[in-house]
Structure formats: C-alpha cells, structure tokens
Amino acid sequence: MGKVIKEMSELKKRALLAKQRLRMGYWEKQERERLEMVNGGSALDERGIEELRRAKFRRDALMIIDGDKAKKEEKMYEKVCKILDTDSDTLSPIGQLIDKELYSKMDECGRQKYILELAGKFRELSRRYYLERAAKSRTSEAKALT
C-alpha cells in the first residue's frame, strides 16, 4: 500500500510539472521557436538581421586578430552545415563534431568540459546556420517577386 501511495505521489508530481509547463506556454514557445528557425518567419526581423551583421563583424575582426582560430571556427561551421543539410534531426551531432584524437587524450573532467563547450558551439553555429538560411530564402523570394 505504501508503494502505491509513493508511486501516486510521484505521478502527481510529474502531472503537476506538466500542467505548469502547459500553463506557462513552454511547449507553444518551443514549437514557435522551432518554426521560426526552420521557416525563418519572424525570426528574421530587424533583430535577426542585426544579429547576423554583428556576428559577421565579429568573425571578420577575429579573422584579423587571430586567423587560425577564425579558420577553425569556419571549418567547424562547415561541418555543422553539412550535418544540418543532410539531416537536421540527427541523433548525435556532437559525436560527429568531436575530434577523436584530442578526445582520447583527455581525462574524464576534460572530456566533460570539451563536450559542454562543443555543445554550446554547436548551438551557436546551428542558430547561425538557420538565420543565414532564412536570410537566403528571403532574398531569393524577393528576387523572384521582382
């Protein structure tokens, strides 16, 4: 009987959390953001365009200051583009980006840090990918209309 009550309380906790997410619009927000990234809809408003300009400026400045680091970042961006072009719902994009040689030489703490940094970089570069793709589709649509 005690186990049943404990399971019910766990179930109730999970239901309460799910209900809170629904009330706060969590899933609607997630879906809206996903659609904006895929379709470029309102994601490419003035703020998105300005973000692209600032990112381009930072990349150009980095190229001048530290060309090697900028080249590595662009190489990683090309890998991210390739991953997202082939399958945007890939199961292990981070695994495809890992430098196996470097990873094998690290200790456990270093590996965790490397994975977290790589995940952050992937998130940043995939956002850039979707924004640039949306910008390209907008310009091609504008050219088709003229």
C-alpha atoms as a PDB file:
ATOM      1  CA  MET A   1       0.000   0.000   0.000  1.00  0.00           C
ATOM      2  CA  GLY A   2       2.856   2.384   0.862  1.00  0.00           C
ATOM      3  CA  LYS A   3       4.478   1.751  -2.519  1.00  0.00           C
ATOM      4  CA  VAL A   4       1.217   2.546  -4.337  1.00  0.00           C
ATOM      5  CA  ILE A   5       0.898   5.842  -2.448  1.00  0.00           C
ATOM      6  CA  LYS A   6       4.527   6.700  -3.223  1.00  0.00           C
ATOM      7  CA  GLU A   7       4.000   5.932  -6.922  1.00  0.00           C
ATOM      8  CA  MET A   8       0.854   8.045  -6.968  1.00  0.00           C
ATOM      9  CA  SER A   9       2.655  10.930  -5.363  1.00  0.00           C
ATOM     10  CA  GLU A  10       5.421  10.654  -7.976  1.00  0.00           C
ATOM     11  CA  LEU A  11       2.797  10.521 -10.710  1.00  0.00           C
ATOM     12  CA  LYS A  12       1.039  13.527  -9.227  1.00  0.00           C
ATOM     13  CA  LYS A  13       4.328  15.444  -9.092  1.00  0.00           C
ATOM     14  CA  ARG A  14       5.004  14.717 -12.740  1.00  0.00           C
ATOM     15  CA  ALA A  15       1.459  15.687 -13.697  1.00  0.00           C
ATOM     16  CA  LEU A  16       1.762  18.924 -11.751  1.00  0.00           C
ATOM     17  CA  LEU A  17       5.026  19.780 -13.503  1.00  0.00           C
ATOM     18  CA  ALA A  18       3.497  19.005 -16.897  1.00  0.00           C
ATOM     19  CA  LYS A  19       0.497  21.164 -16.079  1.00  0.00           C
ATOM     20  CA  GLN A  20       2.789  24.032 -15.072  1.00  0.00           C
ATOM     21  CA  ARG A  21       4.682  23.758 -18.357  1.00  0.00           C
ATOM     22  CA  LEU A  22       1.406  23.907 -20.254  1.00  0.00           C
ATOM     23  CA  ARG A  23       0.216  26.936 -18.294  1.00  0.00           C
ATOM     24  CA  MET A  24       3.453  28.785 -18.885  1.00  0.00           C
ATOM     25  CA  GLY A  25       3.257  28.070 -22.608  1.00  0.00           C
ATOM     26  CA  TYR A  26       6.505  26.125 -22.633  1.00  0.00           C
ATOM     27  CA  TRP A  27       5.590  23.804 -25.496  1.00  0.00           C
ATOM     28  CA  GLU A  28       3.997  26.562 -27.577  1.00  0.00           C
ATOM     29  CA  LYS A  29       7.137  28.641 -27.146  1.00  0.00           C
ATOM     30  CA  GLN A  30       9.336  25.697 -28.138  1.00  0.00           C
ATOM     31  CA  GLU A  31       7.239  24.995 -31.230  1.00  0.00           C
ATOM     32  CA  ARG A  32       7.150  28.684 -32.197  1.00  0.00           C
ATOM     33  CA  GLU A  33      10.942  28.973 -31.874  1.00  0.00           C
ATOM     34  CA  ARG A  34      11.446  25.803 -33.889  1.00  0.00           C
ATOM     35  CA  LEU A  35       9.161  27.053 -36.661  1.00  0.00           C
ATOM     36  CA  GLU A  36      10.912  30.409 -36.701  1.00  0.00           C
ATOM     37  CA  MET A  37      14.272  28.719 -37.041  1.00  0.00           C
ATOM     38  CA  VAL A  38      13.088  26.397 -39.804  1.00  0.00           C
ATOM     39  CA  ASN A  39      10.913  28.797 -41.783  1.00  0.00           C
ATOM     40  CA  GLY A  40      12.715  31.984 -40.995  1.00  0.00           C
ATOM     41  CA  GLY A  41       9.312  33.576 -40.387  1.00  0.00           C
ATOM     42  CA  SER A  42       9.501  36.277 -37.778  1.00  0.00           C
ATOM     43  CA  ALA A  43      12.947  35.131 -36.699  1.00  0.00           C
ATOM     44  CA  LEU A  44      14.466  37.226 -39.444  1.00  0.00           C
ATOM     45  CA  ASP A  45      13.005  40.513 -38.382  1.00  0.00           C
ATOM     46  CA  GLU A  46      15.218  43.528 -37.766  1.00  0.00           C
ATOM     47  CA  ARG A  47      16.694  41.946 -34.658  1.00  0.00           C
ATOM     48  CA  GLY A  48      17.704  38.822 -36.571  1.00  0.00           C
ATOM     49  CA  ILE A  49      19.234  40.836 -39.392  1.00  0.00           C
ATOM     50  CA  GLU A  50      21.154  42.968 -36.922  1.00  0.00           C
ATOM     51  CA  GLU A  51      22.360  39.824 -35.146  1.00  0.00           C
ATOM     52  CA  LEU A  52      23.678  38.455 -38.445  1.00  0.00           C
ATOM     53  CA  ARG A  53      25.515  41.716 -39.123  1.00  0.00           C
ATOM     54  CA  ARG A  54      27.112  41.759 -35.668  1.00  0.00           C
ATOM     55  CA  ALA A  55      28.170  38.127 -35.987  1.00  0.00           C
ATOM     56  CA  LYS A  56      29.719  38.806 -39.400  1.00  0.00           C
ATOM     57  CA  PHE A  57      31.580  41.794 -37.964  1.00  0.00           C
ATOM     58  CA  ARG A  58      32.888  39.663 -35.063  1.00  0.00           C
ATOM     59  CA  ARG A  59      34.033  36.939 -37.464  1.00  0.00           C
ATOM     60  CA  ASP A  60      35.835  39.493 -39.633  1.00  0.00           C
ATOM     61  CA  ALA A  61      37.503  41.037 -36.577  1.00  0.00           C
ATOM     62  CA  LEU A  62      38.527  37.590 -35.332  1.00  0.00           C
ATOM     63  CA  MET A  63      39.999  36.806 -38.750  1.00  0.00           C
ATOM     64  CA  ILE A  64      42.186  39.899 -38.481  1.00  0.00           C
ATOM     65  CA  ILE A  65      43.195  39.317 -34.857  1.00  0.00           C
ATOM     66  CA  ASP A  66      43.542  35.520 -34.784  1.00  0.00           C
ATOM     67  CA  GLY A  67      43.327  33.982 -38.244  1.00  0.00           C
ATOM     68  CA  ASP A  68      43.951  30.414 -37.065  1.00  0.00           C
ATOM     69  CA  LYS A  69      41.108  30.492 -34.554  1.00  0.00           C
ATOM     70  CA  ALA A  70      38.780  32.021 -37.153  1.00  0.00           C
ATOM     71  CA  LYS A  71      39.689  29.326 -39.674  1.00  0.00           C
ATOM     72  CA  LYS A  72      38.992  26.585 -37.111  1.00  0.00           C
ATOM     73  CA  GLU A  73      35.631  28.145 -36.327  1.00  0.00           C
ATOM     74  CA  GLU A  74      34.693  28.375 -40.014  1.00  0.00           C
ATOM     75  CA  LYS A  75      35.784  24.765 -40.511  1.00  0.00           C
ATOM     76  CA  MET A  76      33.513  23.738 -37.637  1.00  0.00           C
ATOM     77  CA  TYR A  77      30.700  25.830 -39.137  1.00  0.00           C
ATOM     78  CA  GLU A  78      31.107  23.956 -42.423  1.00  0.00           C
ATOM     79  CA  LYS A  79      30.805  20.655 -40.517  1.00  0.00           C
ATOM     80  CA  VAL A  80      27.651  21.909 -38.771  1.00  0.00           C
ATOM     81  CA  CYS A  81      26.196  22.979 -42.133  1.00  0.00           C
ATOM     82  CA  LYS A  82      26.950  19.553 -43.570  1.00  0.00           C
ATOM     83  CA  ILE A  83      25.303  17.825 -40.592  1.00  0.00           C
ATOM     84  CA  LEU A  84      22.199  20.017 -40.741  1.00  0.00           C
ATOM     85  CA  ASP A  85      21.947  19.796 -44.544  1.00  0.00           C
ATOM     86  CA  THR A  86      21.981  16.005 -44.506  1.00  0.00           C
ATOM     87  CA  ASP A  87      19.670  15.518 -41.514  1.00  0.00           C
ATOM     88  CA  SER A  88      18.531  18.325 -39.223  1.00  0.00           C
ATOM     89  CA  ASP A  89      17.183  15.758 -36.722  1.00  0.00           C
ATOM     90  CA  THR A  90      20.395  13.789 -36.355  1.00  0.00           C
ATOM     91  CA  LEU A  91      20.732  11.892 -33.097  1.00  0.00           C
ATOM     92  CA  SER A  92      24.341  12.722 -32.260  1.00  0.00           C
ATOM     93  CA  PRO A  93      25.571  15.917 -33.907  1.00  0.00           C
ATOM     94  CA  ILE A  94      28.092  16.465 -31.112  1.00  0.00           C
ATOM     95  CA  GLY A  95      29.527  12.992 -31.709  1.00  0.00           C
ATOM     96  CA  GLN A  96      30.091  13.907 -35.344  1.00  0.00           C
ATOM     97  CA  LEU A  97      31.959  17.078 -34.357  1.00  0.00           C
ATOM     98  CA  ILE A  98      34.276  15.512 -31.776  1.00  0.00           C
ATOM     99  CA  ASP A  99      37.967  15.445 -32.578  1.00  0.00           C
ATOM    100  CA  LYS A 100      38.516  11.777 -31.690  1.00  0.00           C
ATOM    101  CA  GLU A 101      42.279  12.115 -31.348  1.00  0.00           C
ATOM    102  CA  LEU A 102      42.038  15.039 -28.935  1.00  0.00           C
ATOM    103  CA  TYR A 103      39.156  13.427 -27.029  1.00  0.00           C
ATOM    104  CA  SER A 104      41.052  10.175 -26.442  1.00  0.00           C
ATOM    105  CA  LYS A 105      43.957  12.064 -24.837  1.00  0.00           C
ATOM    106  CA  MET A 106      41.762  13.866 -22.277  1.00  0.00           C
ATOM    107  CA  ASP A 107      40.914  12.829 -18.737  1.00  0.00           C
ATOM    108  CA  GLU A 108      37.261  12.461 -17.692  1.00  0.00           C
ATOM    109  CA  CYS A 109      36.928  16.040 -16.446  1.00  0.00           C
ATOM    110  CA  GLY A 110      38.492  17.389 -19.621  1.00  0.00           C
ATOM    111  CA  ARG A 111      36.160  15.265 -21.730  1.00  0.00           C
ATOM    112  CA  GLN A 112      33.081  16.626 -19.976  1.00  0.00           C
ATOM    113  CA  LYS A 113      34.286  20.196 -20.401  1.00  0.00           C
ATOM    114  CA  TYR A 114      35.075  19.554 -24.064  1.00  0.00           C
ATOM    115  CA  ILE A 115      31.612  18.082 -24.705  1.00  0.00           C
ATOM    116  CA  LEU A 116      29.889  21.018 -22.994  1.00  0.00           C
ATOM    117  CA  GLU A 117      31.937  23.551 -24.965  1.00  0.00           C
ATOM    118  CA  LEU A 118      31.245  21.657 -28.172  1.00  0.00           C
ATOM    119  CA  ALA A 119      27.510  21.569 -27.422  1.00  0.00           C
ATOM    120  CA  GLY A 120      27.472  25.323 -26.844  1.00  0.00           C
ATOM    121  CA  LYS A 121      29.397  25.922 -30.051  1.00  0.00           C
ATOM    122  CA  PHE A 122      27.037  23.627 -31.971  1.00  0.00           C
ATOM    123  CA  ARG A 123      24.023  25.501 -30.633  1.00  0.00           C
ATOM    124  CA  GLU A 124      25.582  28.833 -31.634  1.00  0.00           C
ATOM    125  CA  LEU A 125      26.591  27.645 -35.100  1.00  0.00           C
ATOM    126  CA  SER A 126      23.259  25.936 -35.792  1.00  0.00           C
ATOM    127  CA  ARG A 127      21.488  29.195 -34.909  1.00  0.00           C
ATOM    128  CA  ARG A 128      23.762  30.995 -37.365  1.00  0.00           C
ATOM    129  CA  TYR A 129      23.003  28.325 -39.971  1.00  0.00           C
ATOM    130  CA  TYR A 130      19.231  28.717 -39.636  1.00  0.00           C
ATOM    131  CA  LEU A 131      19.398  32.522 -39.624  1.00  0.00           C
ATOM    132  CA  GLU A 132      21.581  32.591 -42.729  1.00  0.00           C
ATOM    133  CA  ARG A 133      19.370  30.043 -44.459  1.00  0.00           C
ATOM    134  CA  ALA A 134      16.300  32.125 -43.650  1.00  0.00           C
ATOM    135  CA  ALA A 135      18.034  35.251 -44.947  1.00  0.00           C
ATOM    136  CA  LYS A 136      18.926  33.497 -48.193  1.00  0.00           C
ATOM    137  CA  SER A 137      15.379  32.255 -48.688  1.00  0.00           C
ATOM    138  CA  ARG A 138      14.028  35.754 -48.044  1.00  0.00           C
ATOM    139  CA  THR A 139      16.373  37.320 -50.606  1.00  0.00           C
ATOM    140  CA  SER A 140      15.585  34.637 -53.185  1.00  0.00           C
ATOM    141  CA  GLU A 141      11.847  35.185 -52.613  1.00  0.00           C
ATOM    142  CA  ALA A 142      12.307  38.933 -53.026  1.00  0.00           C
ATOM    143  CA  LYS A 143      14.222  38.413 -56.289  1.00  0.00           C
ATOM    144  CA  ALA A 144      11.509  36.095 -57.581  1.00  0.00           C
ATOM    145  CA  LEU A 145       8.848  38.713 -56.894  1.00  0.00           C
ATOM    146  CA  THR A 146      10.702  41.417 -58.845  1.00  0.00           C
END
